[in-house]
Amino acid sequence: MLAVDHSALAGVVVDVKASFEELQTALGALATEDVEYAQYHAKELTNLIYDVTTAVLLVSRADDELADGNARLALVAEAFVAEHLRIEPARGITSGGTFCAQHFDALARYAAVDPSVLDEPPAQTGD
């Protein structure tokens, strides 16, 4: 669906293909991580799947409309990709860590937390 005829879509196609590759990497990362990590990133993965699929469909339809002399959907595809896919690679799914994972028991299981934890600088986790 990304084999387009119009050169005006070339940049968008490159970005969508890169996002598809990131999606594949994210799927692989979640397949090898523990359950908590996978659950933490499940919504973001679903959003990434949706956004990549939507971008592919927009590009395909934009190419059809460009063949008819209408660039409207090409602009929509560009705007969509800029807004939804040109952000952190794989939406941070492959970063290897999360703030929430570091504090999972406190956040998800209502475990008590010593107030001194608030004085510690946040760990750099990539999200």
C-alpha atoms as a PDB file:
ATOM      1  CA  MET A   1       0.000   0.000   0.000  1.00  0.00           C
ATOM      2  CA  LEU A   2       3.002   2.297   0.310  1.00  0.00           C
ATOM      3  CA  ALA A   3       4.117   1.766  -3.287  1.00  0.00           C
ATOM      4  CA  VAL A   4       2.941   5.203  -4.376  1.00  0.00           C
ATOM      5  CA  ASP A   5       3.252   6.833  -7.766  1.00  0.00           C
ATOM      6  CA  HIS A   6       3.415  10.483  -6.753  1.00  0.00           C
ATOM      7  CA  SER A   7       6.788  11.834  -5.614  1.00  0.00           C
ATOM      8  CA  ALA A   8       5.122  14.382  -3.313  1.00  0.00           C
ATOM      9  CA  LEU A   9       4.416  11.534  -0.901  1.00  0.00           C
ATOM     10  CA  ALA A  10       7.997  10.230  -0.792  1.00  0.00           C
ATOM     11  CA  GLY A  11       8.909  11.856   2.530  1.00  0.00           C
ATOM     12  CA  VAL A  12       5.727  10.704   4.210  1.00  0.00           C
ATOM     13  CA  VAL A  13       6.251   7.172   2.903  1.00  0.00           C
ATOM     14  CA  VAL A  14       9.771   7.093   4.368  1.00  0.00           C
ATOM     15  CA  ASP A  15       8.418   8.148   7.771  1.00  0.00           C
ATOM     16  CA  VAL A  16       5.557   5.642   7.680  1.00  0.00           C
ATOM     17  CA  LYS A  17       7.925   2.813   6.738  1.00  0.00           C
ATOM     18  CA  ALA A  18      10.244   3.822   9.590  1.00  0.00           C
ATOM     19  CA  SER A  19       7.296   3.798  11.983  1.00  0.00           C
ATOM     20  CA  PHE A  20       6.279   0.356  10.734  1.00  0.00           C
ATOM     21  CA  GLU A  21       9.801  -0.887  11.470  1.00  0.00           C
ATOM     22  CA  GLU A  22       9.588   0.699  14.931  1.00  0.00           C
ATOM     23  CA  LEU A  23       6.274  -1.081  15.436  1.00  0.00           C
ATOM     24  CA  GLN A  24       7.900  -4.406  14.610  1.00  0.00           C
ATOM     25  CA  THR A  25      10.712  -3.637  17.062  1.00  0.00           C
ATOM     26  CA  ALA A  26       8.181  -2.692  19.742  1.00  0.00           C
ATOM     27  CA  LEU A  27       6.261  -5.932  19.224  1.00  0.00           C
ATOM     28  CA  GLY A  28       9.483  -7.887  19.600  1.00  0.00           C
ATOM     29  CA  ALA A  29      10.440  -5.963  22.730  1.00  0.00           C
ATOM     30  CA  LEU A  30       7.105  -6.621  24.390  1.00  0.00           C
ATOM     31  CA  ALA A  31       7.297 -10.305  23.485  1.00  0.00           C
ATOM     32  CA  THR A  32      10.532 -10.632  25.446  1.00  0.00           C
ATOM     33  CA  GLU A  33       9.754  -8.458  28.474  1.00  0.00           C
ATOM     34  CA  ASP A  34       7.899  -9.373  31.651  1.00  0.00           C
ATOM     35  CA  VAL A  35       4.136  -9.056  32.022  1.00  0.00           C
ATOM     36  CA  GLU A  36       4.218  -5.771  33.941  1.00  0.00           C
ATOM     37  CA  TYR A  37       6.348  -4.118  31.275  1.00  0.00           C
ATOM     38  CA  ALA A  38       4.039  -5.389  28.529  1.00  0.00           C
ATOM     39  CA  GLN A  39       0.937  -4.233  30.387  1.00  0.00           C
ATOM     40  CA  TYR A  40       2.450  -0.809  30.988  1.00  0.00           C
ATOM     41  CA  HIS A  41       3.041  -0.323  27.260  1.00  0.00           C
ATOM     42  CA  ALA A  42      -0.072  -2.097  25.913  1.00  0.00           C
ATOM     43  CA  LYS A  43      -2.093   1.068  25.311  1.00  0.00           C
ATOM     44  CA  GLU A  44       0.809   2.850  23.647  1.00  0.00           C
ATOM     45  CA  LEU A  45       1.385  -0.192  21.438  1.00  0.00           C
ATOM     46  CA  THR A  46      -2.282  -0.203  20.455  1.00  0.00           C
ATOM     47  CA  ASN A  47      -2.060   3.494  19.621  1.00  0.00           C
ATOM     48  CA  LEU A  48       1.062   2.897  17.546  1.00  0.00           C
ATOM     49  CA  ILE A  49      -0.633   0.082  15.604  1.00  0.00           C
ATOM     50  CA  TYR A  50      -3.625   2.334  14.972  1.00  0.00           C
ATOM     51  CA  ASP A  51      -1.498   5.297  13.909  1.00  0.00           C
ATOM     52  CA  VAL A  52       0.704   3.290  11.538  1.00  0.00           C
ATOM     53  CA  THR A  53      -2.338   1.630   9.964  1.00  0.00           C
ATOM     54  CA  THR A  54      -4.116   4.964   9.599  1.00  0.00           C
ATOM     55  CA  ALA A  55      -1.043   6.555   8.037  1.00  0.00           C
ATOM     56  CA  VAL A  56      -0.716   3.715   5.512  1.00  0.00           C
ATOM     57  CA  LEU A  57      -4.363   4.076   4.515  1.00  0.00           C
ATOM     58  CA  LEU A  58      -4.079   7.852   4.244  1.00  0.00           C
ATOM     59  CA  VAL A  59      -0.978   7.616   2.040  1.00  0.00           C
ATOM     60  CA  SER A  60      -2.608   5.053  -0.219  1.00  0.00           C
ATOM     61  CA  ARG A  61      -5.759   7.129  -0.638  1.00  0.00           C
ATOM     62  CA  ALA A  62      -3.712  10.325  -1.053  1.00  0.00           C
ATOM     63  CA  ASP A  63      -1.832   8.715  -3.916  1.00  0.00           C
ATOM     64  CA  ASP A  64      -5.123   7.838  -5.594  1.00  0.00           C
ATOM     65  CA  GLU A  65      -6.410  11.390  -5.176  1.00  0.00           C
ATOM     66  CA  LEU A  66      -3.148  12.892  -6.431  1.00  0.00           C
ATOM     67  CA  ALA A  67      -3.606  10.857  -9.612  1.00  0.00           C
ATOM     68  CA  ASP A  68      -6.932  12.691  -9.982  1.00  0.00           C
ATOM     69  CA  GLY A  69      -5.285  16.071  -9.367  1.00  0.00           C
ATOM     70  CA  ASN A  70      -6.344  16.585  -5.752  1.00  0.00           C
ATOM     71  CA  ALA A  71      -3.651  17.028  -3.071  1.00  0.00           C
ATOM     72  CA  ARG A  72      -5.998  17.392  -0.093  1.00  0.00           C
ATOM     73  CA  LEU A  73      -5.411  13.907   1.296  1.00  0.00           C
ATOM     74  CA  ALA A  74      -1.672  14.291   0.759  1.00  0.00           C
ATOM     75  CA  LEU A  75      -1.826  17.270   3.114  1.00  0.00           C
ATOM     76  CA  VAL A  76      -3.922  15.271   5.560  1.00  0.00           C
ATOM     77  CA  ALA A  77      -1.411  12.398   5.417  1.00  0.00           C
ATOM     78  CA  GLU A  78       1.489  14.785   6.008  1.00  0.00           C
ATOM     79  CA  ALA A  79      -0.278  16.417   8.953  1.00  0.00           C
ATOM     80  CA  PHE A  80      -1.219  13.061  10.456  1.00  0.00           C
ATOM     81  CA  VAL A  81       2.312  11.666  10.177  1.00  0.00           C
ATOM     82  CA  ALA A  82       3.792  14.857  11.622  1.00  0.00           C
ATOM     83  CA  GLU A  83       1.406  14.745  14.579  1.00  0.00           C
ATOM     84  CA  HIS A  84       1.354  11.030  15.325  1.00  0.00           C
ATOM     85  CA  LEU A  85       4.466   9.315  13.986  1.00  0.00           C
ATOM     86  CA  ARG A  86       7.320  11.810  14.132  1.00  0.00           C
ATOM     87  CA  ILE A  87       7.727  11.465  17.865  1.00  0.00           C
ATOM     88  CA  GLU A  88       9.844   9.300  20.173  1.00  0.00           C
ATOM     89  CA  PRO A  89      10.920   6.113  18.370  1.00  0.00           C
ATOM     90  CA  ALA A  90       8.463   3.258  18.987  1.00  0.00           C
ATOM     91  CA  ARG A  91       6.731   5.531  21.506  1.00  0.00           C
ATOM     92  CA  GLY A  92       9.298   4.620  24.148  1.00  0.00           C
ATOM     93  CA  ILE A  93       8.204   0.972  24.162  1.00  0.00           C
ATOM     94  CA  THR A  94      11.738  -0.209  23.411  1.00  0.00           C
ATOM     95  CA  SER A  95      13.470   2.109  25.901  1.00  0.00           C
ATOM     96  CA  GLY A  96      13.879  -0.646  28.455  1.00  0.00           C
ATOM     97  CA  GLY A  97      12.462   1.101  31.453  1.00  0.00           C
ATOM     98  CA  THR A  98       9.688   3.186  32.865  1.00  0.00           C
ATOM     99  CA  PHE A  99       9.127   5.413  35.832  1.00  0.00           C
ATOM    100  CA  CYS A 100       5.991   3.421  36.611  1.00  0.00           C
ATOM    101  CA  ALA A 101       7.870   0.126  36.499  1.00  0.00           C
ATOM    102  CA  GLN A 102      10.308   1.441  39.083  1.00  0.00           C
ATOM    103  CA  HIS A 103       7.385   2.275  41.351  1.00  0.00           C
ATOM    104  CA  PHE A 104       4.955  -0.427  40.235  1.00  0.00           C
ATOM    105  CA  ASP A 105       3.993  -1.720  43.687  1.00  0.00           C
ATOM    106  CA  ALA A 106       3.245   1.751  44.970  1.00  0.00           C
ATOM    107  CA  LEU A 107       1.299   2.822  41.918  1.00  0.00           C
ATOM    108  CA  ALA A 108      -0.615  -0.306  40.986  1.00  0.00           C
ATOM    109  CA  ARG A 109      -0.742  -2.270  44.215  1.00  0.00           C
ATOM    110  CA  TYR A 110      -1.137   0.655  46.613  1.00  0.00           C
ATOM    111  CA  ALA A 111       2.050  -0.223  48.536  1.00  0.00           C
ATOM    112  CA  ALA A 112       3.230   2.279  51.097  1.00  0.00           C
ATOM    113  CA  VAL A 113       5.993   4.627  49.999  1.00  0.00           C
ATOM    114  CA  ASP A 114       8.407   6.404  52.276  1.00  0.00           C
ATOM    115  CA  PRO A 115       8.194  10.174  51.689  1.00  0.00           C
ATOM    116  CA  SER A 116      11.973  10.346  51.302  1.00  0.00           C
ATOM    117  CA  VAL A 117      11.496   8.806  47.847  1.00  0.00           C
ATOM    118  CA  LEU A 118      10.141  12.183  46.761  1.00  0.00           C
ATOM    119  CA  ASP A 119      13.496  13.783  47.567  1.00  0.00           C
ATOM    120  CA  GLU A 120      15.347  11.497  45.151  1.00  0.00           C
ATOM    121  CA  PRO A 121      15.863  12.723  41.604  1.00  0.00           C
ATOM    122  CA  PRO A 122      13.838  10.766  39.071  1.00  0.00           C
ATOM    123  CA  ALA A 123      15.760   8.020  37.302  1.00  0.00           C
ATOM    124  CA  GLN A 124      16.413   8.487  33.591  1.00  0.00           C
ATOM    125  CA  THR A 125      14.350   5.742  31.957  1.00  0.00           C
ATOM    126  CA  GLY A 126      13.718   6.950  28.419  1.00  0.00           C
ATOM    127  CA  ASP A 127      10.013   7.660  28.776  1.00  0.00           C
END
